[in-house]
Amino acid sequence: MLKRFLLAIITVLLVGSLTTPIVIADNLDNRIGIGLGNPYFCIKYGLSSKLSIEGRGAFGSGIFAGGARVYYNFNPEYRAVIFVGGEGDYVSFDVDDVEGFGLVAYGFVGGEYFITKRFTFNLDIGPAYIFVKENQFDFDEHGLEWIFNLGVNYYFK
């Protein structure tokens, strides 16, 4: 069921990006935005119409993750912008007497749909290499996981 839902969303974004010229959102160059998602908050800045950077953070009960992203936008002139990118994060945790830190390297593909000139809906998916180390027992774990992000952005300019 989830696979069909994701396939439907990606299909709508791809078809929309190829057929709908952007009339309510112009150039992504020099635009600053803030975003909220599951489970993150971010600040995004357009270096050019094709290249954007983002600072991102997430926290929960005893867990913090913070890092940066870079986006390459294939079609910034359209309402549905398709992108690829990479993310690097530092993770720290202290949960149920387990304390440690970790690193995440994440490559993704996704899209951002401009609902209005300033408000967007975005999603991305990709593989992430995750390494975590527990401090007390000197235990570490690493591996590849799939990550799916869903969120909204508000652009000030």
N, C-alpha and C. Protein backbone atom coordinates (compact mmCIF):
# COMPACT_ATOMS: atom_id res chain seq x y z
N MET A 1 0.82 -1.19 0.00
CA MET A 1 0.00 0.00 0.00
C MET A 1 0.87 1.26 0.00
N LEU A 2 1.91 1.29 0.86
CA LEU A 2 2.80 2.44 0.93
C LEU A 2 3.55 2.63 -0.39
N LYS A 3 3.96 1.53 -1.01
CA LYS A 3 4.66 1.62 -2.28
C LYS A 3 3.78 2.24 -3.36
N ARG A 4 2.52 1.87 -3.39
CA ARG A 4 1.59 2.45 -4.38
C ARG A 4 1.38 3.94 -4.13
N PHE A 5 1.26 4.32 -2.85
CA PHE A 5 1.09 5.72 -2.50
C PHE A 5 2.30 6.54 -2.93
N LEU A 6 3.51 6.04 -2.63
CA LEU A 6 4.73 6.75 -3.02
C LEU A 6 4.86 6.83 -4.54
N LEU A 7 4.54 5.76 -5.22
CA LEU A 7 4.59 5.76 -6.68
C LEU A 7 3.62 6.78 -7.27
N ALA A 8 2.43 6.89 -6.69
CA ALA A 8 1.45 7.86 -7.17
C ALA A 8 1.95 9.30 -6.97
N ILE A 9 2.53 9.59 -5.80
CA ILE A 9 3.04 10.94 -5.53
C ILE A 9 4.18 11.28 -6.48
N ILE A 10 5.12 10.36 -6.66
CA ILE A 10 6.25 10.62 -7.55
C ILE A 10 5.78 10.81 -8.99
N THR A 11 4.81 10.01 -9.42
CA THR A 11 4.27 10.16 -10.78
C THR A 11 3.63 11.53 -10.97
N VAL A 12 2.84 11.98 -10.00
CA VAL A 12 2.20 13.29 -10.09
C VAL A 12 3.25 14.39 -10.15
N LEU A 13 4.29 14.29 -9.32
CA LEU A 13 5.35 15.30 -9.34
C LEU A 13 6.09 15.31 -10.68
N LEU A 14 6.40 14.14 -11.21
CA LEU A 14 7.12 14.08 -12.48
C LEU A 14 6.29 14.63 -13.64
N VAL A 15 5.04 14.20 -13.73
CA VAL A 15 4.17 14.68 -14.80
C VAL A 15 3.93 16.18 -14.65
N GLY A 16 3.69 16.62 -13.42
CA GLY A 16 3.47 18.05 -13.18
C GLY A 16 4.68 18.89 -13.52
N SER A 17 5.86 18.37 -13.24
CA SER A 17 7.07 19.14 -13.50
C SER A 17 7.33 19.29 -14.99
N LEU A 18 6.87 18.35 -15.78
CA LEU A 18 7.10 18.41 -17.22
C LEU A 18 6.04 19.21 -17.96
N THR A 19 4.88 19.40 -17.34
CA THR A 19 3.77 20.01 -18.07
C THR A 19 3.29 21.34 -17.50
N THR A 20 3.69 21.71 -16.29
CA THR A 20 3.16 22.91 -15.65
C THR A 20 4.23 23.98 -15.49
N PRO A 21 4.25 25.00 -16.33
CA PRO A 21 5.21 26.09 -16.11
C PRO A 21 4.89 26.80 -14.81
N ILE A 22 5.92 27.25 -14.16
CA ILE A 22 5.71 27.91 -12.88
C ILE A 22 5.27 29.35 -13.13
N VAL A 23 4.11 29.69 -12.68
CA VAL A 23 3.61 31.04 -12.85
C VAL A 23 3.50 31.76 -11.51
N ILE A 24 3.55 31.02 -10.42
CA ILE A 24 3.42 31.66 -9.12
C ILE A 24 4.71 31.65 -8.34
N ALA A 25 5.71 30.89 -8.76
CA ALA A 25 7.01 30.91 -8.09
C ALA A 25 8.06 31.13 -9.17
N ASP A 26 8.82 32.20 -9.03
CA ASP A 26 9.81 32.51 -10.06
C ASP A 26 11.14 31.87 -9.73
N ASN A 27 12.20 32.56 -9.85
CA ASN A 27 13.55 32.07 -9.66
C ASN A 27 13.80 31.65 -8.21
N LEU A 28 14.53 30.54 -8.03
CA LEU A 28 14.89 30.09 -6.68
C LEU A 28 16.16 30.77 -6.17
N ASP A 29 16.78 31.59 -7.01
CA ASP A 29 18.02 32.28 -6.66
C ASP A 29 17.80 33.26 -5.51
N ASN A 30 18.67 33.23 -4.50
CA ASN A 30 18.65 34.14 -3.34
C ASN A 30 17.37 34.07 -2.53
N ARG A 31 16.66 32.97 -2.56
CA ARG A 31 15.45 32.81 -1.74
C ARG A 31 15.80 32.14 -0.43
N ILE A 32 15.28 32.67 0.65
CA ILE A 32 15.47 32.09 1.98
C ILE A 32 14.14 31.50 2.42
N GLY A 33 14.20 30.29 2.97
CA GLY A 33 12.98 29.65 3.44
C GLY A 33 13.21 28.91 4.74
N ILE A 34 12.12 28.66 5.44
CA ILE A 34 12.14 27.82 6.63
C ILE A 34 11.22 26.64 6.37
N GLY A 35 11.52 25.52 7.00
CA GLY A 35 10.71 24.35 6.75
C GLY A 35 10.51 23.50 7.98
N LEU A 36 9.43 22.75 7.95
CA LEU A 36 9.11 21.76 8.98
C LEU A 36 8.75 20.47 8.28
N GLY A 37 9.19 19.37 8.87
CA GLY A 37 8.88 18.07 8.29
C GLY A 37 8.87 16.99 9.34
N ASN A 38 8.80 15.79 8.87
CA ASN A 38 8.76 14.64 9.74
C ASN A 38 10.12 13.98 9.76
N PRO A 39 10.92 14.14 10.74
CA PRO A 39 10.81 14.88 12.00
C PRO A 39 11.84 16.00 12.09
N TYR A 40 11.86 16.95 11.21
CA TYR A 40 12.95 17.94 11.15
C TYR A 40 12.43 19.37 11.05
N PHE A 41 13.38 20.31 11.24
CA PHE A 41 13.17 21.73 10.94
C PHE A 41 14.37 22.17 10.12
N CYS A 42 14.22 23.21 9.28
CA CYS A 42 15.33 23.58 8.40
C CYS A 42 15.28 25.06 8.02
N ILE A 43 16.43 25.54 7.53
CA ILE A 43 16.56 26.84 6.89
C ILE A 43 17.22 26.59 5.55
N LYS A 44 16.59 27.06 4.47
CA LYS A 44 17.04 26.77 3.11
C LYS A 44 17.39 28.07 2.39
N TYR A 45 18.44 28.02 1.55
CA TYR A 45 18.86 29.20 0.81
C TYR A 45 19.22 28.80 -0.62
N GLY A 46 18.71 29.54 -1.59
CA GLY A 46 19.02 29.30 -2.99
C GLY A 46 20.27 30.05 -3.41
N LEU A 47 21.37 29.33 -3.64
CA LEU A 47 22.60 29.95 -4.13
C LEU A 47 22.44 30.42 -5.57
N SER A 48 21.69 29.64 -6.35
CA SER A 48 21.33 29.98 -7.73
C SER A 48 20.01 29.29 -8.00
N SER A 49 19.49 29.42 -9.21
CA SER A 49 18.22 28.76 -9.51
C SER A 49 18.38 27.23 -9.50
N LYS A 50 19.58 26.74 -9.78
CA LYS A 50 19.81 25.29 -9.84
C LYS A 50 20.41 24.71 -8.56
N LEU A 51 20.99 25.52 -7.70
CA LEU A 51 21.71 25.01 -6.54
C LEU A 51 21.21 25.66 -5.25
N SER A 52 20.84 24.81 -4.26
CA SER A 52 20.37 25.29 -2.96
C SER A 52 21.12 24.57 -1.85
N ILE A 53 21.22 25.24 -0.69
CA ILE A 53 21.80 24.63 0.50
C ILE A 53 20.78 24.72 1.63
N GLU A 54 20.96 23.86 2.63
CA GLU A 54 20.00 23.82 3.73
C GLU A 54 20.69 23.36 5.00
N GLY A 55 20.39 24.04 6.11
CA GLY A 55 20.78 23.58 7.43
C GLY A 55 19.58 22.88 8.03
N ARG A 56 19.82 21.72 8.65
CA ARG A 56 18.71 20.91 9.10
C ARG A 56 18.97 20.36 10.50
N GLY A 57 17.93 20.29 11.31
CA GLY A 57 18.03 19.73 12.65
C GLY A 57 16.80 18.92 12.99
N ALA A 58 16.99 17.93 13.86
CA ALA A 58 15.88 17.11 14.33
C ALA A 58 16.17 16.71 15.77
N PHE A 59 15.14 16.60 16.56
CA PHE A 59 15.33 16.18 17.94
C PHE A 59 14.12 15.42 18.43
N GLY A 60 14.37 14.60 19.41
CA GLY A 60 13.32 13.82 20.05
C GLY A 60 13.73 13.57 21.49
N SER A 61 13.13 12.65 22.13
CA SER A 61 13.43 12.34 23.51
C SER A 61 14.84 11.76 23.63
N GLY A 62 15.81 12.61 23.99
CA GLY A 62 17.18 12.18 24.16
C GLY A 62 17.99 12.04 22.89
N ILE A 63 17.47 12.50 21.77
CA ILE A 63 18.15 12.36 20.48
C ILE A 63 18.23 13.71 19.78
N PHE A 64 19.40 14.03 19.21
CA PHE A 64 19.56 15.23 18.40
C PHE A 64 20.33 14.87 17.14
N ALA A 65 19.91 15.42 16.02
CA ALA A 65 20.64 15.28 14.75
C ALA A 65 20.70 16.64 14.09
N GLY A 66 21.86 17.00 13.56
CA GLY A 66 22.02 18.27 12.88
C GLY A 66 22.99 18.11 11.73
N GLY A 67 22.70 18.82 10.63
CA GLY A 67 23.59 18.69 9.49
C GLY A 67 23.25 19.67 8.38
N ALA A 68 23.77 19.38 7.21
CA ALA A 68 23.59 20.25 6.05
C ALA A 68 23.25 19.42 4.82
N ARG A 69 22.54 20.08 3.90
CA ARG A 69 22.15 19.47 2.63
C ARG A 69 22.56 20.38 1.49
N VAL A 70 22.74 19.76 0.33
CA VAL A 70 22.92 20.51 -0.91
C VAL A 70 21.96 19.88 -1.93
N TYR A 71 21.28 20.75 -2.71
CA TYR A 71 20.30 20.33 -3.70
C TYR A 71 20.75 20.78 -5.09
N TYR A 72 20.53 19.93 -6.08
CA TYR A 72 20.63 20.34 -7.48
C TYR A 72 19.23 20.26 -8.07
N ASN A 73 18.68 21.39 -8.49
CA ASN A 73 17.32 21.48 -9.04
C ASN A 73 17.38 21.35 -10.55
N PHE A 74 16.70 20.33 -11.08
CA PHE A 74 16.72 20.10 -12.52
C PHE A 74 15.88 21.10 -13.30
N ASN A 75 14.76 21.52 -12.76
CA ASN A 75 13.82 22.35 -13.50
C ASN A 75 13.23 23.45 -12.61
N PRO A 76 14.04 24.41 -12.19
CA PRO A 76 13.56 25.43 -11.24
C PRO A 76 12.48 26.35 -11.80
N GLU A 77 12.26 26.34 -13.11
CA GLU A 77 11.26 27.22 -13.71
C GLU A 77 9.85 26.63 -13.66
N TYR A 78 9.70 25.42 -13.15
CA TYR A 78 8.39 24.78 -13.11
C TYR A 78 7.83 24.76 -11.69
N ARG A 79 6.53 24.56 -11.61
CA ARG A 79 5.84 24.52 -10.32
C ARG A 79 6.31 23.32 -9.48
N ALA A 80 6.53 22.18 -10.10
CA ALA A 80 7.04 20.98 -9.42
C ALA A 80 8.52 20.84 -9.78
N VAL A 81 9.39 21.12 -8.83
CA VAL A 81 10.84 21.10 -9.05
C VAL A 81 11.38 19.73 -8.63
N ILE A 82 12.05 19.05 -9.55
CA ILE A 82 12.69 17.77 -9.26
C ILE A 82 14.15 18.03 -8.88
N PHE A 83 14.63 17.36 -7.83
CA PHE A 83 16.01 17.58 -7.38
C PHE A 83 16.69 16.29 -6.98
N VAL A 84 18.02 16.36 -6.93
CA VAL A 84 18.87 15.33 -6.32
C VAL A 84 19.77 16.06 -5.33
N GLY A 85 20.30 15.32 -4.39
CA GLY A 85 21.17 15.99 -3.43
C GLY A 85 21.85 15.05 -2.48
N GLY A 86 22.57 15.67 -1.55
CA GLY A 86 23.27 14.93 -0.53
C GLY A 86 23.14 15.62 0.82
N GLU A 87 23.27 14.84 1.88
CA GLU A 87 23.14 15.35 3.23
C GLU A 87 24.18 14.68 4.12
N GLY A 88 24.75 15.45 5.04
CA GLY A 88 25.63 14.92 6.07
C GLY A 88 25.15 15.39 7.42
N ASP A 89 25.10 14.48 8.40
CA ASP A 89 24.56 14.81 9.73
C ASP A 89 25.44 14.26 10.84
N TYR A 90 25.41 14.95 11.97
CA TYR A 90 25.98 14.46 13.22
C TYR A 90 24.81 14.11 14.13
N VAL A 91 24.88 12.97 14.81
CA VAL A 91 23.80 12.50 15.67
C VAL A 91 24.36 12.26 17.08
N SER A 92 23.62 12.70 18.08
CA SER A 92 23.97 12.36 19.47
C SER A 92 22.72 11.82 20.15
N PHE A 93 22.93 10.90 21.09
CA PHE A 93 21.79 10.29 21.76
C PHE A 93 22.15 9.93 23.20
N ASP A 94 21.14 9.98 24.06
CA ASP A 94 21.24 9.59 25.46
C ASP A 94 19.85 9.11 25.87
N VAL A 95 19.61 7.83 25.64
CA VAL A 95 18.29 7.24 25.83
C VAL A 95 18.43 5.95 26.64
N ASP A 96 17.67 5.82 27.72
CA ASP A 96 17.65 4.59 28.53
C ASP A 96 19.04 4.08 28.87
N ASP A 97 19.88 4.92 29.43
CA ASP A 97 21.25 4.59 29.84
C ASP A 97 22.16 4.20 28.68
N VAL A 98 21.78 4.54 27.47
CA VAL A 98 22.62 4.32 26.29
C VAL A 98 22.97 5.69 25.73
N GLU A 99 24.27 6.00 25.71
CA GLU A 99 24.73 7.31 25.29
C GLU A 99 25.77 7.15 24.19
N GLY A 100 25.69 8.02 23.16
CA GLY A 100 26.68 7.93 22.10
C GLY A 100 26.49 8.99 21.06
N PHE A 101 27.12 8.74 19.91
CA PHE A 101 27.08 9.69 18.80
C PHE A 101 27.15 8.91 17.50
N GLY A 102 26.96 9.64 16.39
CA GLY A 102 27.02 8.99 15.09
C GLY A 102 27.10 9.97 13.95
N LEU A 103 27.25 9.42 12.77
CA LEU A 103 27.31 10.19 11.53
C LEU A 103 26.37 9.56 10.50
N VAL A 104 25.81 10.42 9.65
CA VAL A 104 24.91 9.96 8.60
C VAL A 104 25.32 10.62 7.29
N ALA A 105 25.44 9.82 6.22
CA ALA A 105 25.67 10.33 4.87
C ALA A 105 24.50 9.83 4.02
N TYR A 106 23.81 10.76 3.35
CA TYR A 106 22.52 10.46 2.72
C TYR A 106 22.48 11.06 1.32
N GLY A 107 22.19 10.24 0.32
CA GLY A 107 21.93 10.71 -1.04
C GLY A 107 20.45 10.56 -1.33
N PHE A 108 19.87 11.54 -1.99
CA PHE A 108 18.42 11.49 -2.17
C PHE A 108 17.99 12.05 -3.53
N VAL A 109 16.76 11.71 -3.89
CA VAL A 109 16.06 12.26 -5.05
C VAL A 109 14.67 12.64 -4.57
N GLY A 110 14.12 13.73 -5.10
CA GLY A 110 12.81 14.14 -4.63
C GLY A 110 12.24 15.29 -5.43
N GLY A 111 11.23 15.92 -4.85
CA GLY A 111 10.57 17.03 -5.51
C GLY A 111 10.00 18.02 -4.52
N GLU A 112 9.83 19.25 -5.00
CA GLU A 112 9.23 20.33 -4.22
C GLU A 112 8.14 20.95 -5.08
N TYR A 113 6.92 20.94 -4.57
CA TYR A 113 5.77 21.44 -5.32
C TYR A 113 5.34 22.79 -4.74
N PHE A 114 5.34 23.83 -5.59
CA PHE A 114 4.95 25.17 -5.16
C PHE A 114 3.43 25.30 -5.17
N ILE A 115 2.85 25.31 -3.98
CA ILE A 115 1.40 25.49 -3.84
C ILE A 115 1.06 26.95 -4.10
N THR A 116 1.88 27.85 -3.56
CA THR A 116 1.81 29.28 -3.84
C THR A 116 3.24 29.74 -4.12
N LYS A 117 3.43 31.04 -4.34
CA LYS A 117 4.77 31.55 -4.59
C LYS A 117 5.70 31.34 -3.40
N ARG A 118 5.15 31.29 -2.20
CA ARG A 118 5.96 31.18 -0.99
C ARG A 118 5.84 29.85 -0.26
N PHE A 119 4.80 29.10 -0.49
CA PHE A 119 4.53 27.89 0.28
C PHE A 119 4.69 26.64 -0.59
N THR A 120 5.52 25.67 -0.11
CA THR A 120 5.77 24.46 -0.90
C THR A 120 5.57 23.20 -0.06
N PHE A 121 5.32 22.12 -0.76
CA PHE A 121 5.26 20.77 -0.21
C PHE A 121 6.44 20.02 -0.82
N ASN A 122 7.19 19.27 -0.01
CA ASN A 122 8.34 18.55 -0.56
C ASN A 122 8.46 17.15 0.00
N LEU A 123 9.10 16.30 -0.79
CA LEU A 123 9.40 14.95 -0.35
C LEU A 123 10.68 14.49 -1.02
N ASP A 124 11.39 13.59 -0.34
CA ASP A 124 12.57 12.97 -0.93
C ASP A 124 12.78 11.59 -0.31
N ILE A 125 13.53 10.77 -1.02
CA ILE A 125 13.81 9.41 -0.58
C ILE A 125 15.20 9.03 -1.07
N GLY A 126 15.89 8.20 -0.29
CA GLY A 126 17.19 7.74 -0.71
C GLY A 126 17.88 6.88 0.33
N PRO A 127 19.01 6.28 -0.05
CA PRO A 127 19.76 5.45 0.89
C PRO A 127 20.69 6.32 1.75
N ALA A 128 20.84 5.92 3.00
CA ALA A 128 21.71 6.63 3.94
C ALA A 128 22.63 5.62 4.63
N TYR A 129 23.90 5.96 4.70
CA TYR A 129 24.85 5.16 5.46
C TYR A 129 24.90 5.76 6.86
N ILE A 130 24.61 4.95 7.86
CA ILE A 130 24.52 5.42 9.24
C ILE A 130 25.57 4.69 10.09
N PHE A 131 26.33 5.47 10.85
CA PHE A 131 27.31 4.92 11.79
C PHE A 131 27.02 5.51 13.16
N VAL A 132 26.84 4.66 14.17
CA VAL A 132 26.64 5.13 15.54
C VAL A 132 27.58 4.38 16.48
N LYS A 133 28.04 5.08 17.50
CA LYS A 133 28.96 4.50 18.50
C LYS A 133 28.40 4.79 19.88
N GLU A 134 28.28 3.73 20.69
CA GLU A 134 27.81 3.84 22.05
C GLU A 134 29.03 4.02 22.95
N ASN A 135 28.99 4.97 23.87
CA ASN A 135 30.16 5.34 24.66
C ASN A 135 30.49 4.38 25.80
N GLN A 136 29.52 3.94 26.56
CA GLN A 136 29.77 3.18 27.78
C GLN A 136 30.41 1.81 27.51
N PHE A 137 29.90 1.08 26.53
CA PHE A 137 30.39 -0.27 26.26
C PHE A 137 31.27 -0.34 25.02
N ASP A 138 31.63 0.80 24.46
CA ASP A 138 32.49 0.88 23.28
C ASP A 138 31.96 0.00 22.14
N PHE A 139 30.67 0.14 21.88
CA PHE A 139 30.00 -0.65 20.84
C PHE A 139 29.64 0.27 19.68
N ASP A 140 29.85 -0.19 18.46
CA ASP A 140 29.42 0.61 17.31
C ASP A 140 28.61 -0.25 16.34
N GLU A 141 27.80 0.45 15.56
CA GLU A 141 26.93 -0.20 14.58
C GLU A 141 26.89 0.69 13.34
N HIS A 142 26.83 0.06 12.18
CA HIS A 142 26.75 0.83 10.94
C HIS A 142 26.01 0.02 9.89
N GLY A 143 25.48 0.73 8.91
CA GLY A 143 24.76 0.05 7.84
C GLY A 143 24.00 1.02 6.97
N LEU A 144 23.39 0.47 5.95
CA LEU A 144 22.62 1.24 4.98
C LEU A 144 21.14 1.15 5.31
N GLU A 145 20.48 2.29 5.33
CA GLU A 145 19.03 2.37 5.60
C GLU A 145 18.39 3.30 4.57
N TRP A 146 17.13 3.07 4.27
CA TRP A 146 16.38 3.96 3.39
C TRP A 146 15.66 4.99 4.24
N ILE A 147 15.73 6.27 3.80
CA ILE A 147 15.09 7.37 4.52
C ILE A 147 14.09 8.05 3.59
N PHE A 148 12.94 8.39 4.13
CA PHE A 148 11.88 9.10 3.42
C PHE A 148 11.55 10.35 4.21
N ASN A 149 11.64 11.52 3.58
CA ASN A 149 11.33 12.80 4.23
C ASN A 149 10.12 13.43 3.56
N LEU A 150 9.27 14.03 4.36
CA LEU A 150 8.07 14.72 3.90
C LEU A 150 7.98 16.02 4.68
N GLY A 151 7.75 17.15 4.00
CA GLY A 151 7.70 18.41 4.72
C GLY A 151 7.09 19.55 3.93
N VAL A 152 7.10 20.72 4.56
CA VAL A 152 6.61 21.96 3.95
C VAL A 152 7.66 23.04 4.15
N ASN A 153 7.74 23.96 3.20
CA ASN A 153 8.65 25.11 3.27
C ASN A 153 7.86 26.39 3.08
N TYR A 154 8.34 27.45 3.73
CA TYR A 154 7.81 28.80 3.50
C TYR A 154 8.99 29.69 3.10
N TYR A 155 8.90 30.32 1.92
CA TYR A 155 9.95 31.21 1.42
C TYR A 155 9.57 32.65 1.71
N PHE A 156 10.55 33.44 2.20
CA PHE A 156 10.30 34.83 2.54
C PHE A 156 10.34 35.75 1.34
N LYS A 157 11.06 35.38 0.30
CA LYS A 157 11.20 36.25 -0.86
C LYS A 157 10.60 35.59 -2.08
